[in-house]
Amino acid sequence: MTIAALAVPAAPAAAKATVLKQWDGFCRLPFGRRLFNLLIGVTVPYAGSIAPQVVELAPGRARARMADRRRVRNHLRSLHAVALTNLAELTGNLALMSRQPPQGARWIITGFDSEFIKKARGTINAECSLPELDWSSAQTLDGRVELRDAGGDLVMIARPHWRIGPDQQKQA
C-alpha cells in the first residue's frame, strides 16, 4: 500500500472534488502537507520548479506561497515574472480543481493575463476564490488570483481563463 493510498479516505464524500479528498487525506498524516507539496512537484514538474507550498485548499478556494530563493530571481534581484505567473497558475488551477466534480467534467486553461503591480521580494502569497460552478455545459470561466508580499502589498494580479464543461467521452 502506498502513502497516497493511506491518505485518501476509504469512504469519500459523494460530491467532493478529488483534489480535496487528496488534500484532506494528506493533512491527516504526519508531514502530510509537505508530502502533498512534494507530489505537486512530481506530478507537475514545471510548477514544482518554484517549490510552491499549498497552505489552504477548500471548495473554491486555494492559497499557496513561494519562498524568495536565488533560483526564482531575476537580474534585478526581485522574483522573476514567470515564477510569479507559475505560482498564480498553480493557485488558480487548484481552486478550479476544488470545484470540479469527481467524474464527468473537464477543463483546460485557454489564456492568462498578468498585471505586475510592483517588484516582488520575499515570500509571496497567492490566493484564488471561485464561486459554485455549473459543469453541465461548455463555457468560459475567468478567474482572478492575487499575489501579495509578506507585508500584504499587492505585487501581481493574474487572470486565468479556462474552458470548463462536461467530459463528453465519459458521459457516452
C-alpha atoms as a PDB file:
ATOM      1  CA  MET A   1       0.000   0.000   0.000  1.00  0.00           C
ATOM      2  CA  THR A   2       1.350   3.428  -0.926  1.00  0.00           C
ATOM      3  CA  ILE A   3       1.402   6.597   1.164  1.00  0.00           C
ATOM      4  CA  ALA A   4      -1.066   8.143  -1.283  1.00  0.00           C
ATOM      5  CA  ALA A   5      -3.468   5.229  -0.757  1.00  0.00           C
ATOM      6  CA  LEU A   6      -3.314   5.771   3.007  1.00  0.00           C
ATOM      7  CA  ALA A   7      -4.002   9.470   2.572  1.00  0.00           C
ATOM      8  CA  VAL A   8      -7.244   9.089   0.610  1.00  0.00           C
ATOM      9  CA  PRO A   9     -10.241   8.260   2.816  1.00  0.00           C
ATOM     10  CA  ALA A  10     -11.814   4.829   2.305  1.00  0.00           C
ATOM     11  CA  ALA A  11     -15.369   6.225   2.084  1.00  0.00           C
ATOM     12  CA  PRO A  12     -15.146   9.543   0.221  1.00  0.00           C
ATOM     13  CA  ALA A  13     -17.968  12.079   0.284  1.00  0.00           C
ATOM     14  CA  ALA A  14     -20.204  11.757  -2.774  1.00  0.00           C
ATOM     15  CA  ALA A  15     -19.558  15.101  -4.462  1.00  0.00           C
ATOM     16  CA  LYS A  16     -16.190  16.088  -3.026  1.00  0.00           C
ATOM     17  CA  ALA A  17     -13.586  17.035  -5.609  1.00  0.00           C
ATOM     18  CA  THR A  18     -10.729  14.559  -5.976  1.00  0.00           C
ATOM     19  CA  VAL A  19      -8.072  17.138  -5.136  1.00  0.00           C
ATOM     20  CA  LEU A  20      -9.910  18.000  -1.899  1.00  0.00           C
ATOM     21  CA  LYS A  21     -10.071  14.325  -0.914  1.00  0.00           C
ATOM     22  CA  GLN A  22      -6.333  14.058  -1.523  1.00  0.00           C
ATOM     23  CA  TRP A  23      -5.587  17.263   0.403  1.00  0.00           C
ATOM     24  CA  ASP A  24      -7.742  16.219   3.377  1.00  0.00           C
ATOM     25  CA  GLY A  25      -6.174  12.770   3.395  1.00  0.00           C
ATOM     26  CA  PHE A  26      -2.617  14.068   3.326  1.00  0.00           C
ATOM     27  CA  CYS A  27      -3.345  16.679   6.003  1.00  0.00           C
ATOM     28  CA  ARG A  28      -4.211  13.852   8.417  1.00  0.00           C
ATOM     29  CA  LEU A  29      -0.734  12.337   8.047  1.00  0.00           C
ATOM     30  CA  PRO A  30       2.426  13.445   9.821  1.00  0.00           C
ATOM     31  CA  PHE A  31       4.239  15.709   7.362  1.00  0.00           C
ATOM     32  CA  GLY A  32       1.221  15.266   5.074  1.00  0.00           C
ATOM     33  CA  ARG A  33       1.197  18.819   3.748  1.00  0.00           C
ATOM     34  CA  ARG A  34       4.862  18.516   2.904  1.00  0.00           C
ATOM     35  CA  LEU A  35       4.165  15.264   1.047  1.00  0.00           C
ATOM     36  CA  PHE A  36       1.271  16.882  -0.848  1.00  0.00           C
ATOM     37  CA  ASN A  37       3.536  19.739  -1.926  1.00  0.00           C
ATOM     38  CA  LEU A  38       6.305  17.354  -2.987  1.00  0.00           C
ATOM     39  CA  LEU A  39       3.811  15.366  -5.057  1.00  0.00           C
ATOM     40  CA  ILE A  40       2.745  18.548  -6.849  1.00  0.00           C
ATOM     41  CA  GLY A  41       6.356  18.917  -7.960  1.00  0.00           C
ATOM     42  CA  VAL A  42       6.453  15.312  -9.148  1.00  0.00           C
ATOM     43  CA  THR A  43       3.066  15.446 -10.887  1.00  0.00           C
ATOM     44  CA  VAL A  44       3.539  18.894 -12.427  1.00  0.00           C
ATOM     45  CA  PRO A  45       7.328  19.319 -12.758  1.00  0.00           C
ATOM     46  CA  TYR A  46       7.182  22.867 -14.098  1.00  0.00           C
ATOM     47  CA  ALA A  47       5.090  24.022 -11.134  1.00  0.00           C
ATOM     48  CA  GLY A  48       7.495  22.135  -8.895  1.00  0.00           C
ATOM     49  CA  SER A  49      10.369  24.256 -10.199  1.00  0.00           C
ATOM     50  CA  ILE A  50       9.293  27.097  -7.872  1.00  0.00           C
ATOM     51  CA  ALA A  51       8.836  24.775  -4.848  1.00  0.00           C
ATOM     52  CA  PRO A  52       5.320  26.013  -4.057  1.00  0.00           C
ATOM     53  CA  GLN A  53       3.688  25.385  -0.705  1.00  0.00           C
ATOM     54  CA  VAL A  54      -0.077  24.907  -0.700  1.00  0.00           C
ATOM     55  CA  VAL A  55      -1.275  26.319   2.619  1.00  0.00           C
ATOM     56  CA  GLU A  56      -5.059  26.074   2.177  1.00  0.00           C
ATOM     57  CA  LEU A  57      -7.384  24.158  -0.091  1.00  0.00           C
ATOM     58  CA  ALA A  58     -11.151  24.317   0.362  1.00  0.00           C
ATOM     59  CA  PRO A  59     -14.108  24.237  -2.035  1.00  0.00           C
ATOM     60  CA  GLY A  60     -13.470  27.082  -4.480  1.00  0.00           C
ATOM     61  CA  ARG A  61     -10.507  28.454  -2.560  1.00  0.00           C
ATOM     62  CA  ALA A  62      -6.768  27.919  -2.786  1.00  0.00           C
ATOM     63  CA  ARG A  63      -3.854  29.646  -1.102  1.00  0.00           C
ATOM     64  CA  ALA A  64      -0.218  28.899  -1.870  1.00  0.00           C
ATOM     65  CA  ARG A  65       3.115  30.543  -1.227  1.00  0.00           C
ATOM     66  CA  MET A  66       6.550  30.692  -2.760  1.00  0.00           C
ATOM     67  CA  ALA A  67       9.760  31.460  -0.905  1.00  0.00           C
ATOM     68  CA  ASP A  68      12.194  34.014  -2.273  1.00  0.00           C
ATOM     69  CA  ARG A  69      15.195  31.982  -3.407  1.00  0.00           C
ATOM     70  CA  ARG A  70      18.006  32.711  -5.801  1.00  0.00           C
ATOM     71  CA  ARG A  71      16.735  30.247  -8.419  1.00  0.00           C
ATOM     72  CA  VAL A  72      13.451  32.179  -8.866  1.00  0.00           C
ATOM     73  CA  ARG A  73      15.042  35.643  -9.013  1.00  0.00           C
ATOM     74  CA  ASN A  74      15.846  37.819 -11.994  1.00  0.00           C
ATOM     75  CA  HIS A  75      18.803  40.121 -12.669  1.00  0.00           C
ATOM     76  CA  LEU A  76      17.064  42.898 -10.686  1.00  0.00           C
ATOM     77  CA  ARG A  77      17.188  40.799  -7.505  1.00  0.00           C
ATOM     78  CA  SER A  78      13.416  40.501  -7.423  1.00  0.00           C
ATOM     79  CA  LEU A  79      11.259  37.474  -8.132  1.00  0.00           C
ATOM     80  CA  HIS A  80      11.036  36.623 -11.806  1.00  0.00           C
ATOM     81  CA  ALA A  81       7.742  37.384 -13.571  1.00  0.00           C
ATOM     82  CA  VAL A  82       7.468  33.825 -14.867  1.00  0.00           C
ATOM     83  CA  ALA A  83       7.968  32.378 -11.371  1.00  0.00           C
ATOM     84  CA  LEU A  84       5.131  34.601 -10.122  1.00  0.00           C
ATOM     85  CA  THR A  85       2.970  33.549 -13.067  1.00  0.00           C
ATOM     86  CA  ASN A  86       3.742  29.902 -12.316  1.00  0.00           C
ATOM     87  CA  LEU A  87       2.542  30.371  -8.711  1.00  0.00           C
ATOM     88  CA  ALA A  88      -0.593  32.189  -9.888  1.00  0.00           C
ATOM     89  CA  GLU A  89      -1.447  29.473 -12.424  1.00  0.00           C
ATOM     90  CA  LEU A  90      -0.992  26.698  -9.866  1.00  0.00           C
ATOM     91  CA  THR A  91      -3.138  28.501  -7.281  1.00  0.00           C
ATOM     92  CA  GLY A  92      -5.918  29.248  -9.761  1.00  0.00           C
ATOM     93  CA  ASN A  93      -5.908  25.708 -11.120  1.00  0.00           C
ATOM     94  CA  LEU A  94      -6.119  24.236  -7.609  1.00  0.00           C
ATOM     95  CA  ALA A  95      -9.094  26.489  -6.802  1.00  0.00           C
ATOM     96  CA  LEU A  96     -10.773  25.317 -10.010  1.00  0.00           C
ATOM     97  CA  MET A  97      -9.979  21.663  -9.330  1.00  0.00           C
ATOM     98  CA  SER A  98     -11.524  22.024  -5.867  1.00  0.00           C
ATOM     99  CA  ARG A  99     -14.832  22.852  -7.597  1.00  0.00           C
ATOM    100  CA  GLN A 100     -14.563  20.076 -10.204  1.00  0.00           C
ATOM    101  CA  PRO A 101     -16.953  17.136  -9.804  1.00  0.00           C
ATOM    102  CA  PRO A 102     -15.116  13.824  -9.254  1.00  0.00           C
ATOM    103  CA  GLN A 103     -16.340  12.464 -12.610  1.00  0.00           C
ATOM    104  CA  GLY A 104     -17.823  13.699 -15.848  1.00  0.00           C
ATOM    105  CA  ALA A 105     -16.187  17.131 -16.072  1.00  0.00           C
ATOM    106  CA  ARG A 106     -13.041  18.568 -17.586  1.00  0.00           C
ATOM    107  CA  TRP A 107     -11.250  21.865 -18.042  1.00  0.00           C
ATOM    108  CA  ILE A 108      -8.287  23.436 -19.777  1.00  0.00           C
ATOM    109  CA  ILE A 109      -6.622  26.794 -19.346  1.00  0.00           C
ATOM    110  CA  THR A 110      -7.076  28.834 -22.542  1.00  0.00           C
ATOM    111  CA  GLY A 111      -5.483  32.141 -21.628  1.00  0.00           C
ATOM    112  CA  PHE A 112      -3.715  34.027 -18.906  1.00  0.00           C
ATOM    113  CA  ASP A 113      -3.335  37.750 -18.281  1.00  0.00           C
ATOM    114  CA  SER A 114      -0.774  39.096 -15.829  1.00  0.00           C
ATOM    115  CA  GLU A 115      -0.561  42.544 -14.297  1.00  0.00           C
ATOM    116  CA  PHE A 116       2.594  43.239 -12.333  1.00  0.00           C
ATOM    117  CA  ILE A 117       1.996  45.950  -9.733  1.00  0.00           C
ATOM    118  CA  LYS A 118       5.413  46.201  -8.069  1.00  0.00           C
ATOM    119  CA  LYS A 119       8.680  44.311  -7.728  1.00  0.00           C
ATOM    120  CA  ALA A 120       8.167  41.131  -5.776  1.00  0.00           C
ATOM    121  CA  ARG A 121      10.602  40.346  -2.992  1.00  0.00           C
ATOM    122  CA  GLY A 122      10.377  37.997  -0.039  1.00  0.00           C
ATOM    123  CA  THR A 123       7.798  35.272   0.437  1.00  0.00           C
ATOM    124  CA  ILE A 124       4.858  35.658  -1.941  1.00  0.00           C
ATOM    125  CA  ASN A 125       1.339  34.522  -1.038  1.00  0.00           C
ATOM    126  CA  ALA A 126      -1.192  33.717  -3.763  1.00  0.00           C
ATOM    127  CA  GLU A 127      -4.932  33.410  -3.300  1.00  0.00           C
ATOM    128  CA  CYS A 128      -7.827  32.489  -5.594  1.00  0.00           C
ATOM    129  CA  SER A 129     -11.528  32.087  -4.818  1.00  0.00           C
ATOM    130  CA  LEU A 130     -14.152  30.778  -7.238  1.00  0.00           C
ATOM    131  CA  PRO A 131     -17.945  30.551  -6.847  1.00  0.00           C
ATOM    132  CA  GLU A 132     -20.029  27.403  -7.345  1.00  0.00           C
ATOM    133  CA  LEU A 133     -19.740  26.354 -10.986  1.00  0.00           C
ATOM    134  CA  ASP A 134     -22.127  24.794 -13.485  1.00  0.00           C
ATOM    135  CA  TRP A 135     -20.257  21.980 -15.242  1.00  0.00           C
ATOM    136  CA  SER A 136     -23.274  20.805 -17.287  1.00  0.00           C
ATOM    137  CA  SER A 137     -22.417  22.845 -20.392  1.00  0.00           C
ATOM    138  CA  ALA A 138     -19.194  24.043 -22.001  1.00  0.00           C
ATOM    139  CA  GLN A 139     -18.359  27.615 -21.039  1.00  0.00           C
ATOM    140  CA  THR A 140     -15.550  30.071 -20.464  1.00  0.00           C
ATOM    141  CA  LEU A 141     -14.608  30.898 -16.884  1.00  0.00           C
ATOM    142  CA  ASP A 142     -12.489  33.889 -15.901  1.00  0.00           C
ATOM    143  CA  GLY A 143     -10.662  33.815 -12.582  1.00  0.00           C
ATOM    144  CA  ARG A 144      -8.589  36.204 -10.502  1.00  0.00           C
ATOM    145  CA  VAL A 145      -5.506  35.329  -8.490  1.00  0.00           C
ATOM    146  CA  GLU A 146      -3.901  37.930  -6.233  1.00  0.00           C
ATOM    147  CA  LEU A 147      -0.262  37.690  -5.201  1.00  0.00           C
ATOM    148  CA  ARG A 148       0.924  39.636  -2.164  1.00  0.00           C
ATOM    149  CA  ASP A 149       4.262  40.032  -0.446  1.00  0.00           C
ATOM    150  CA  ALA A 150       4.839  39.346   3.262  1.00  0.00           C
ATOM    151  CA  GLY A 151       3.779  42.919   4.071  1.00  0.00           C
ATOM    152  CA  GLY A 152       0.412  42.373   2.365  1.00  0.00           C
ATOM    153  CA  ASP A 153       1.220  44.611  -0.613  1.00  0.00           C
ATOM    154  CA  LEU A 154      -0.288  43.523  -3.915  1.00  0.00           C
ATOM    155  CA  VAL A 155       2.504  42.587  -6.335  1.00  0.00           C
ATOM    156  CA  MET A 156       0.553  40.871  -9.121  1.00  0.00           C
ATOM    157  CA  ILE A 157      -2.964  40.256 -10.362  1.00  0.00           C
ATOM    158  CA  ALA A 158      -3.385  37.226 -12.605  1.00  0.00           C
ATOM    159  CA  ARG A 159      -6.480  36.484 -14.645  1.00  0.00           C
ATOM    160  CA  PRO A 160      -6.608  32.872 -15.819  1.00  0.00           C
ATOM    161  CA  HIS A 161      -9.209  31.925 -18.427  1.00  0.00           C
ATOM    162  CA  TRP A 162     -10.478  28.362 -18.537  1.00  0.00           C
ATOM    163  CA  ARG A 163     -12.799  26.359 -20.738  1.00  0.00           C
ATOM    164  CA  ILE A 164     -14.881  24.123 -18.461  1.00  0.00           C
ATOM    165  CA  GLY A 165     -17.678  21.681 -19.127  1.00  0.00           C
ATOM    166  CA  PRO A 166     -18.834  18.095 -19.215  1.00  0.00           C
ATOM    167  CA  ASP A 167     -16.492  15.345 -20.309  1.00  0.00           C
ATOM    168  CA  GLN A 168     -18.413  14.054 -23.331  1.00  0.00           C
ATOM    169  CA  GLN A 169     -16.283  10.892 -23.591  1.00  0.00           C
ATOM    170  CA  LYS A 170     -17.073   9.796 -20.035  1.00  0.00           C
ATOM    171  CA  GLN A 171     -20.776  10.524 -20.419  1.00  0.00           C
ATOM    172  CA  ALA A 172     -21.143   8.424 -23.584  1.00  0.00           C
END
